[in-house]
């Protein structure tokens, strides 16, 4: 399992679009991918789950993945969350 804690950097007027893009990116990987904020751990491939997470600017979240391409998934999603403008 790979994981990385990152600070979310969303555009100020961000609504659903950055979350939809995140889910699309997560869905490109074979591995299981999760975003954790506080005590909530959500499947990053679930649009409804990710919308319920309510990501906020400068919030710290943990991106984790397990499976064949887990390292690449964590790297890609972490980079996106830090630069989702």
PDB file of N, CA and C in Angstrom:
ATOM      1  N   UNK A   1       0.844  -1.179   0.000  1.00  0.00           N
ATOM      2  CA  UNK A   1       0.000   0.000   0.000  1.00  0.00           C
ATOM      3  C   UNK A   1       0.889   1.242   0.000  1.00  0.00           C
ATOM      4  N   UNK A   2       0.513   2.202  -0.799  1.00  0.00           N
ATOM      5  CA  UNK A   2       1.213   3.471  -0.874  1.00  0.00           C
ATOM      6  C   UNK A   2       0.274   4.560  -0.399  1.00  0.00           C
ATOM      7  N   UNK A   3       0.824   5.587   0.247  1.00  0.00           N
ATOM      8  CA  UNK A   3      -0.006   6.720   0.655  1.00  0.00           C
ATOM      9  C   UNK A   3       0.835   7.982   0.741  1.00  0.00           C
ATOM     10  N   UNK A   4       0.144   9.119   0.629  1.00  0.00           N
ATOM     11  CA  UNK A   4       0.801  10.415   0.726  1.00  0.00           C
ATOM     12  C   UNK A   4      -0.219  11.416   1.265  1.00  0.00           C
ATOM     13  N   UNK A   5       0.212  12.259   2.184  1.00  0.00           N
ATOM     14  CA  UNK A   5      -0.643  13.309   2.716  1.00  0.00           C
ATOM     15  C   UNK A   5      -0.325  14.597   1.982  1.00  0.00           C
ATOM     16  N   UNK A   6      -1.368  15.253   1.480  1.00  0.00           N
ATOM     17  CA  UNK A   6      -1.188  16.473   0.692  1.00  0.00           C
ATOM     18  C   UNK A   6      -2.175  17.544   1.155  1.00  0.00           C
ATOM     19  N   UNK A   7      -1.849  18.780   0.816  1.00  0.00           N
ATOM     20  CA  UNK A   7      -2.746  19.904   1.093  1.00  0.00           C
ATOM     21  C   UNK A   7      -3.519  20.196  -0.190  1.00  0.00           C
ATOM     22  N   UNK A   8      -4.840  20.237  -0.089  1.00  0.00           N
ATOM     23  CA  UNK A   8      -5.709  20.465  -1.241  1.00  0.00           C
ATOM     24  C   UNK A   8      -5.584  21.911  -1.697  1.00  0.00           C
ATOM     25  N   UNK A   9      -5.407  22.098  -3.004  1.00  0.00           N
ATOM     26  CA  UNK A   9      -5.305  23.429  -3.592  1.00  0.00           C
ATOM     27  C   UNK A   9      -6.305  23.506  -4.741  1.00  0.00           C
ATOM     28  N   UNK A  10      -7.528  23.927  -4.422  1.00  0.00           N
ATOM     29  CA  UNK A  10      -8.596  24.032  -5.416  1.00  0.00           C
ATOM     30  C   UNK A  10      -8.777  25.480  -5.839  1.00  0.00           C
ATOM     31  N   UNK A  11      -9.291  25.675  -7.039  1.00  0.00           N
ATOM     32  CA  UNK A  11      -9.640  27.017  -7.487  1.00  0.00           C
ATOM     33  C   UNK A  11     -10.711  27.576  -6.550  1.00  0.00           C
ATOM     34  N   UNK A  12     -10.697  28.884  -6.327  1.00  0.00           N
ATOM     35  CA  UNK A  12     -11.636  29.497  -5.394  1.00  0.00           C
ATOM     36  C   UNK A  12     -13.093  29.260  -5.772  1.00  0.00           C
ATOM     37  N   UNK A  13     -13.384  29.194  -7.058  1.00  0.00           N
ATOM     38  CA  UNK A  13     -14.766  29.007  -7.498  1.00  0.00           C
ATOM     39  C   UNK A  13     -15.084  27.548  -7.803  1.00  0.00           C
ATOM     40  N   UNK A  14     -14.254  26.647  -7.277  1.00  0.00           N
ATOM     41  CA  UNK A  14     -14.423  25.224  -7.551  1.00  0.00           C
ATOM     42  C   UNK A  14     -15.725  24.700  -6.962  1.00  0.00           C
ATOM     43  N   UNK A  15     -16.407  23.896  -7.738  1.00  0.00           N
ATOM     44  CA  UNK A  15     -17.599  23.217  -7.238  1.00  0.00           C
ATOM     45  C   UNK A  15     -17.420  21.734  -7.524  1.00  0.00           C
ATOM     46  N   UNK A  16     -18.215  21.186  -8.413  1.00  0.00           N
ATOM     47  CA  UNK A  16     -18.167  19.748  -8.676  1.00  0.00           C
ATOM     48  C   UNK A  16     -17.086  19.359  -9.679  1.00  0.00           C
ATOM     49  N   UNK A  17     -16.688  20.257 -10.563  1.00  0.00           N
ATOM     50  CA  UNK A  17     -15.774  19.887 -11.633  1.00  0.00           C
ATOM     51  C   UNK A  17     -14.448  19.276 -11.147  1.00  0.00           C
ATOM     52  N   UNK A  18     -13.734  19.892 -10.198  1.00  0.00           N
ATOM     53  CA  UNK A  18     -12.468  19.276  -9.763  1.00  0.00           C
ATOM     54  C   UNK A  18     -12.663  17.881  -9.176  1.00  0.00           C
ATOM     55  N   UNK A  19     -13.766  17.654  -8.494  1.00  0.00           N
ATOM     56  CA  UNK A  19     -14.034  16.337  -7.925  1.00  0.00           C
ATOM     57  C   UNK A  19     -14.320  15.335  -9.037  1.00  0.00           C
ATOM     58  N   UNK A  20     -15.065  15.746 -10.055  1.00  0.00           N
ATOM     59  CA  UNK A  20     -15.356  14.862 -11.192  1.00  0.00           C
ATOM     60  C   UNK A  20     -14.067  14.479 -11.918  1.00  0.00           C
ATOM     61  N   UNK A  21     -13.176  15.443 -12.094  1.00  0.00           N
ATOM     62  CA  UNK A  21     -11.890  15.157 -12.748  1.00  0.00           C
ATOM     63  C   UNK A  21     -11.069  14.199 -11.891  1.00  0.00           C
ATOM     64  N   UNK A  22     -11.087  14.401 -10.575  1.00  0.00           N
ATOM     65  CA  UNK A  22     -10.362  13.512  -9.670  1.00  0.00           C
ATOM     66  C   UNK A  22     -10.868  12.080  -9.807  1.00  0.00           C
ATOM     67  N   UNK A  23     -12.186  11.901  -9.845  1.00  0.00           N
ATOM     68  CA  UNK A  23     -12.783  10.570  -9.990  1.00  0.00           C
ATOM     69  C   UNK A  23     -12.387   9.955 -11.339  1.00  0.00           C
ATOM     70  N   UNK A  24     -12.382  10.756 -12.397  1.00  0.00           N
ATOM     71  CA  UNK A  24     -11.964  10.258 -13.721  1.00  0.00           C
ATOM     72  C   UNK A  24     -10.512   9.791 -13.681  1.00  0.00           C
ATOM     73  N   UNK A  25      -9.651  10.572 -13.050  1.00  0.00           N
ATOM     74  CA  UNK A  25      -8.237  10.201 -12.952  1.00  0.00           C
ATOM     75  C   UNK A  25      -8.075   8.916 -12.138  1.00  0.00           C
ATOM     76  N   UNK A  26      -8.791   8.817 -11.018  1.00  0.00           N
ATOM     77  CA  UNK A  26      -8.697   7.627 -10.167  1.00  0.00           C
ATOM     78  C   UNK A  26      -9.175   6.385 -10.904  1.00  0.00           C
ATOM     79  N   UNK A  27     -10.203   6.553 -11.728  1.00  0.00           N
ATOM     80  CA  UNK A  27     -10.794   5.421 -12.447  1.00  0.00           C
ATOM     81  C   UNK A  27      -9.886   4.862 -13.539  1.00  0.00           C
ATOM     82  N   UNK A  28      -8.846   5.572 -13.889  1.00  0.00           N
ATOM     83  CA  UNK A  28      -7.902   5.105 -14.904  1.00  0.00           C
ATOM     84  C   UNK A  28      -6.966   4.022 -14.363  1.00  0.00           C
ATOM     85  N   UNK A  29      -6.953   3.848 -13.060  1.00  0.00           N
ATOM     86  CA  UNK A  29      -6.037   2.886 -12.445  1.00  0.00           C
ATOM     87  C   UNK A  29      -6.774   1.606 -12.045  1.00  0.00           C
ATOM     88  N   UNK A  30      -6.055   0.507 -12.090  1.00  0.00           N
ATOM     89  CA  UNK A  30      -6.611  -0.801 -11.719  1.00  0.00           C
ATOM     90  C   UNK A  30      -6.723  -0.956 -10.208  1.00  0.00           C
ATOM     91  N   UNK A  31      -5.844  -0.313  -9.474  1.00  0.00           N
ATOM     92  CA  UNK A  31      -5.778  -0.493  -8.023  1.00  0.00           C
ATOM     93  C   UNK A  31      -6.964   0.155  -7.316  1.00  0.00           C
ATOM     94  N   UNK A  32      -7.104  -0.155  -6.041  1.00  0.00           N
ATOM     95  CA  UNK A  32      -8.101   0.493  -5.190  1.00  0.00           C
ATOM     96  C   UNK A  32      -7.484   1.799  -4.705  1.00  0.00           C
ATOM     97  N   UNK A  33      -8.234   2.906  -4.826  1.00  0.00           N
ATOM     98  CA  UNK A  33      -7.718   4.222  -4.476  1.00  0.00           C
ATOM     99  C   UNK A  33      -8.672   4.890  -3.483  1.00  0.00           C
ATOM    100  N   UNK A  34      -8.115   5.481  -2.439  1.00  0.00           N
ATOM    101  CA  UNK A  34      -8.918   6.118  -1.396  1.00  0.00           C
ATOM    102  C   UNK A  34      -8.404   7.515  -1.083  1.00  0.00           C
ATOM    103  N   UNK A  35      -9.329   8.391  -0.704  1.00  0.00           N
ATOM    104  CA  UNK A  35      -8.993   9.707  -0.182  1.00  0.00           C
ATOM    105  C   UNK A  35      -9.532   9.736   1.242  1.00  0.00           C
ATOM    106  N   UNK A  36      -8.669  10.094   2.187  1.00  0.00           N
ATOM    107  CA  UNK A  36      -9.091  10.140   3.581  1.00  0.00           C
ATOM    108  C   UNK A  36      -8.952  11.556   4.115  1.00  0.00           C
ATOM    109  N   UNK A  37     -10.023  12.024   4.744  1.00  0.00           N
ATOM    110  CA  UNK A  37     -10.054  13.328   5.399  1.00  0.00           C
ATOM    111  C   UNK A  37     -10.647  13.118   6.783  1.00  0.00           C
ATOM    112  N   UNK A  38      -9.867  13.373   7.804  1.00  0.00           N
ATOM    113  CA  UNK A  38     -10.334  13.108   9.164  1.00  0.00           C
ATOM    114  C   UNK A  38     -10.611  11.626   9.324  1.00  0.00           C
ATOM    115  N   UNK A  39     -11.812  11.289   9.761  1.00  0.00           N
ATOM    116  CA  UNK A  39     -12.155   9.880   9.946  1.00  0.00           C
ATOM    117  C   UNK A  39     -12.922   9.293   8.765  1.00  0.00           C
ATOM    118  N   UNK A  40     -13.068  10.076   7.688  1.00  0.00           N
ATOM    119  CA  UNK A  40     -13.761   9.584   6.487  1.00  0.00           C
ATOM    120  C   UNK A  40     -12.745   9.069   5.473  1.00  0.00           C
ATOM    121  N   UNK A  41     -12.919   7.823   5.052  1.00  0.00           N
ATOM    122  CA  UNK A  41     -12.069   7.222   4.019  1.00  0.00           C
ATOM    123  C   UNK A  41     -12.985   6.827   2.869  1.00  0.00           C
ATOM    124  N   UNK A  42     -12.821   7.483   1.718  1.00  0.00           N
ATOM    125  CA  UNK A  42     -13.744   7.352   0.602  1.00  0.00           C
ATOM    126  C   UNK A  42     -13.048   6.729  -0.607  1.00  0.00           C
ATOM    127  N   UNK A  43     -13.773   5.871  -1.313  1.00  0.00           N
ATOM    128  CA  UNK A  43     -13.297   5.309  -2.573  1.00  0.00           C
ATOM    129  C   UNK A  43     -13.194   6.456  -3.575  1.00  0.00           C
ATOM    130  N   UNK A  44     -11.991   6.731  -4.068  1.00  0.00           N
ATOM    131  CA  UNK A  44     -11.770   7.864  -4.976  1.00  0.00           C
ATOM    132  C   UNK A  44     -12.413   7.661  -6.340  1.00  0.00           C
ATOM    133  N   UNK A  45     -12.900   6.454  -6.621  1.00  0.00           N
ATOM    134  CA  UNK A  45     -13.558   6.185  -7.902  1.00  0.00           C
ATOM    135  C   UNK A  45     -15.067   6.400  -7.822  1.00  0.00           C
ATOM    136  N   UNK A  46     -15.562   6.773  -6.656  1.00  0.00           N
ATOM    137  CA  UNK A  46     -16.995   6.976  -6.441  1.00  0.00           C
ATOM    138  C   UNK A  46     -17.323   8.466  -6.445  1.00  0.00           C
ATOM    139  N   UNK A  47     -18.055   8.917  -7.462  1.00  0.00           N
ATOM    140  CA  UNK A  47     -18.391  10.338  -7.547  1.00  0.00           C
ATOM    141  C   UNK A  47     -19.251  10.772  -6.361  1.00  0.00           C
ATOM    142  N   UNK A  48     -20.215   9.961  -5.979  1.00  0.00           N
ATOM    143  CA  UNK A  48     -21.080  10.324  -4.855  1.00  0.00           C
ATOM    144  C   UNK A  48     -20.289  10.359  -3.544  1.00  0.00           C
ATOM    145  N   UNK A  49     -19.413   9.391  -3.372  1.00  0.00           N
ATOM    146  CA  UNK A  49     -18.579   9.373  -2.172  1.00  0.00           C
ATOM    147  C   UNK A  49     -17.670  10.586  -2.100  1.00  0.00           C
ATOM    148  N   UNK A  50     -17.052  10.917  -3.215  1.00  0.00           N
ATOM    149  CA  UNK A  50     -16.137  12.054  -3.243  1.00  0.00           C
ATOM    150  C   UNK A  50     -16.872  13.372  -3.037  1.00  0.00           C
ATOM    151  N   UNK A  51     -18.083  13.487  -3.569  1.00  0.00           N
ATOM    152  CA  UNK A  51     -18.871  14.707  -3.364  1.00  0.00           C
ATOM    153  C   UNK A  51     -19.230  14.851  -1.879  1.00  0.00           C
ATOM    154  N   UNK A  52     -19.480  13.726  -1.209  1.00  0.00           N
ATOM    155  CA  UNK A  52     -19.841  13.773   0.210  1.00  0.00           C
ATOM    156  C   UNK A  52     -18.662  14.172   1.086  1.00  0.00           C
ATOM    157  N   UNK A  53     -17.447  14.002   0.574  1.00  0.00           N
ATOM    158  CA  UNK A  53     -16.246  14.342   1.341  1.00  0.00           C
ATOM    159  C   UNK A  53     -16.119  15.856   1.516  1.00  0.00           C
ATOM    160  N   UNK A  54     -16.576  16.623   0.525  1.00  0.00           N
ATOM    161  CA  UNK A  54     -16.562  18.086   0.637  1.00  0.00           C
ATOM    162  C   UNK A  54     -15.181  18.664   0.811  1.00  0.00           C
ATOM    163  N   UNK A  55     -14.285  18.388  -0.117  1.00  0.00           N
ATOM    164  CA  UNK A  55     -12.914  18.892  -0.033  1.00  0.00           C
ATOM    165  C   UNK A  55     -12.888  20.413   0.048  1.00  0.00           C
ATOM    166  N   UNK A  56     -12.043  20.926   0.929  1.00  0.00           N
ATOM    167  CA  UNK A  56     -11.927  22.367   1.145  1.00  0.00           C
ATOM    168  C   UNK A  56     -10.503  22.821   0.827  1.00  0.00           C
ATOM    169  N   UNK A  57     -10.387  24.083   0.440  1.00  0.00           N
ATOM    170  CA  UNK A  57      -9.080  24.691   0.182  1.00  0.00           C
ATOM    171  C   UNK A  57      -8.182  24.543   1.417  1.00  0.00           C
ATOM    172  N   UNK A  58      -6.934  24.165   1.194  1.00  0.00           N
ATOM    173  CA  UNK A  58      -5.901  24.016   2.229  1.00  0.00           C
ATOM    174  C   UNK A  58      -6.155  22.888   3.226  1.00  0.00           C
ATOM    175  N   UNK A  59      -7.139  22.037   2.957  1.00  0.00           N
ATOM    176  CA  UNK A  59      -7.401  20.880   3.816  1.00  0.00           C
ATOM    177  C   UNK A  59      -6.332  19.812   3.537  1.00  0.00           C
ATOM    178  N   UNK A  60      -5.877  19.132   4.591  1.00  0.00           N
ATOM    179  CA  UNK A  60      -4.932  18.040   4.411  1.00  0.00           C
ATOM    180  C   UNK A  60      -5.701  16.735   4.278  1.00  0.00           C
ATOM    181  N   UNK A  61      -5.391  15.999   3.221  1.00  0.00           N
ATOM    182  CA  UNK A  61      -6.010  14.701   2.986  1.00  0.00           C
ATOM    183  C   UNK A  61      -4.915  13.680   2.710  1.00  0.00           C
ATOM    184  N   UNK A  62      -5.253  12.426   2.901  1.00  0.00           N
ATOM    185  CA  UNK A  62      -4.314  11.348   2.597  1.00  0.00           C
ATOM    186  C   UNK A  62      -4.830  10.580   1.399  1.00  0.00           C
ATOM    187  N   UNK A  63      -3.986  10.447   0.392  1.00  0.00           N
ATOM    188  CA  UNK A  63      -4.288   9.658  -0.797  1.00  0.00           C
ATOM    189  C   UNK A  63      -3.604   8.313  -0.592  1.00  0.00           C
ATOM    190  N   UNK A  64      -4.354   7.231  -0.679  1.00  0.00           N
ATOM    191  CA  UNK A  64      -3.762   5.908  -0.521  1.00  0.00           C
ATOM    192  C   UNK A  64      -4.278   4.981  -1.605  1.00  0.00           C
ATOM    193  N   UNK A  65      -3.475   3.970  -1.914  1.00  0.00           N
ATOM    194  CA  UNK A  65      -3.856   3.010  -2.949  1.00  0.00           C
ATOM    195  C   UNK A  65      -3.188   1.677  -2.681  1.00  0.00           C
ATOM    196  N   UNK A  66      -3.862   0.617  -3.113  1.00  0.00           N
ATOM    197  CA  UNK A  66      -3.289  -0.721  -3.014  1.00  0.00           C
ATOM    198  C   UNK A  66      -3.602  -1.493  -4.278  1.00  0.00           C
ATOM    199  N   UNK A  67      -2.567  -2.126  -4.825  1.00  0.00           N
ATOM    200  CA  UNK A  67      -2.716  -2.878  -6.065  1.00  0.00           C
ATOM    201  C   UNK A  67      -1.516  -2.653  -6.958  1.00  0.00           C
ATOM    202  N   UNK A  68      -1.612  -3.173  -8.183  1.00  0.00           N
ATOM    203  CA  UNK A  68      -0.477  -3.160  -9.105  1.00  0.00           C
ATOM    204  C   UNK A  68       0.062  -1.771  -9.437  1.00  0.00           C
ATOM    205  N   UNK A  69      -0.800  -0.819  -9.707  1.00  0.00           N
ATOM    206  CA  UNK A  69      -0.350   0.514 -10.108  1.00  0.00           C
ATOM    207  C   UNK A  69      -0.571   1.552  -9.005  1.00  0.00           C
ATOM    208  N   UNK A  70      -0.523   1.098  -7.757  1.00  0.00           N
ATOM    209  CA  UNK A  70      -0.825   1.957  -6.610  1.00  0.00           C
ATOM    210  C   UNK A  70       0.117   3.152  -6.503  1.00  0.00           C
ATOM    211  N   UNK A  71       1.394   2.929  -6.700  1.00  0.00           N
ATOM    212  CA  UNK A  71       2.362   4.025  -6.553  1.00  0.00           C
ATOM    213  C   UNK A  71       2.083   5.142  -7.561  1.00  0.00           C
ATOM    214  N   UNK A  72       1.812   4.766  -8.798  1.00  0.00           N
ATOM    215  CA  UNK A  72       1.517   5.752  -9.845  1.00  0.00           C
ATOM    216  C   UNK A  72       0.194   6.468  -9.553  1.00  0.00           C
ATOM    217  N   UNK A  73      -0.792   5.750  -9.047  1.00  0.00           N
ATOM    218  CA  UNK A  73      -2.089   6.349  -8.718  1.00  0.00           C
ATOM    219  C   UNK A  73      -1.936   7.405  -7.627  1.00  0.00           C
ATOM    220  N   UNK A  74      -1.208   7.081  -6.573  1.00  0.00           N
ATOM    221  CA  UNK A  74      -0.996   8.029  -5.475  1.00  0.00           C
ATOM    222  C   UNK A  74      -0.252   9.261  -5.989  1.00  0.00           C
ATOM    223  N   UNK A  75       0.757   9.047  -6.790  1.00  0.00           N
ATOM    224  CA  UNK A  75       1.541  10.155  -7.341  1.00  0.00           C
ATOM    225  C   UNK A  75       0.660  11.075  -8.201  1.00  0.00           C
ATOM    226  N   UNK A  76      -0.134  10.489  -9.092  1.00  0.00           N
ATOM    227  CA  UNK A  76      -0.983  11.256 -10.008  1.00  0.00           C
ATOM    228  C   UNK A  76      -2.062  12.039  -9.264  1.00  0.00           C
ATOM    229  N   UNK A  77      -2.762  11.377  -8.343  1.00  0.00           N
ATOM    230  CA  UNK A  77      -3.854  12.042  -7.626  1.00  0.00           C
ATOM    231  C   UNK A  77      -3.338  13.084  -6.639  1.00  0.00           C
ATOM    232  N   UNK A  78      -2.206  12.806  -6.013  1.00  0.00           N
ATOM    233  CA  UNK A  78      -1.620  13.789  -5.100  1.00  0.00           C
ATOM    234  C   UNK A  78      -1.233  15.048  -5.846  1.00  0.00           C
ATOM    235  N   UNK A  79      -0.610  14.876  -6.987  1.00  0.00           N
ATOM    236  CA  UNK A  79      -0.211  16.011  -7.800  1.00  0.00           C
ATOM    237  C   UNK A  79      -1.439  16.812  -8.245  1.00  0.00           C
ATOM    238  N   UNK A  80      -2.493  16.115  -8.649  1.00  0.00           N
ATOM    239  CA  UNK A  80      -3.717  16.804  -9.069  1.00  0.00           C
ATOM    240  C   UNK A  80      -4.327  17.611  -7.916  1.00  0.00           C
ATOM    241  N   UNK A  81      -4.431  17.004  -6.740  1.00  0.00           N
ATOM    242  CA  UNK A  81      -5.053  17.698  -5.600  1.00  0.00           C
ATOM    243  C   UNK A  81      -4.271  18.946  -5.186  1.00  0.00           C
ATOM    244  N   UNK A  82      -2.975  18.919  -5.398  1.00  0.00           N
ATOM    245  CA  UNK A  82      -2.134  20.065  -5.032  1.00  0.00           C
ATOM    246  C   UNK A  82      -2.186  21.176  -6.086  1.00  0.00           C
ATOM    247  N   UNK A  83      -2.690  20.873  -7.274  1.00  0.00           N
ATOM    248  CA  UNK A  83      -2.675  21.831  -8.372  1.00  0.00           C
ATOM    249  C   UNK A  83      -3.972  21.877  -9.146  1.00  0.00           C
ATOM    250  N   UNK A  84      -5.097  21.618  -8.505  1.00  0.00           N
ATOM    251  CA  UNK A  84      -6.392  21.566  -9.198  1.00  0.00           C
ATOM    252  C   UNK A  84      -6.955  22.975  -9.411  1.00  0.00           C
ATOM    253  N   UNK A  85      -6.388  23.690 -10.347  1.00  0.00           N
ATOM    254  CA  UNK A  85      -6.810  25.075 -10.615  1.00  0.00           C
ATOM    255  C   UNK A  85      -7.550  25.159 -11.919  1.00  0.00           C
TER     256      UNK A  85
END
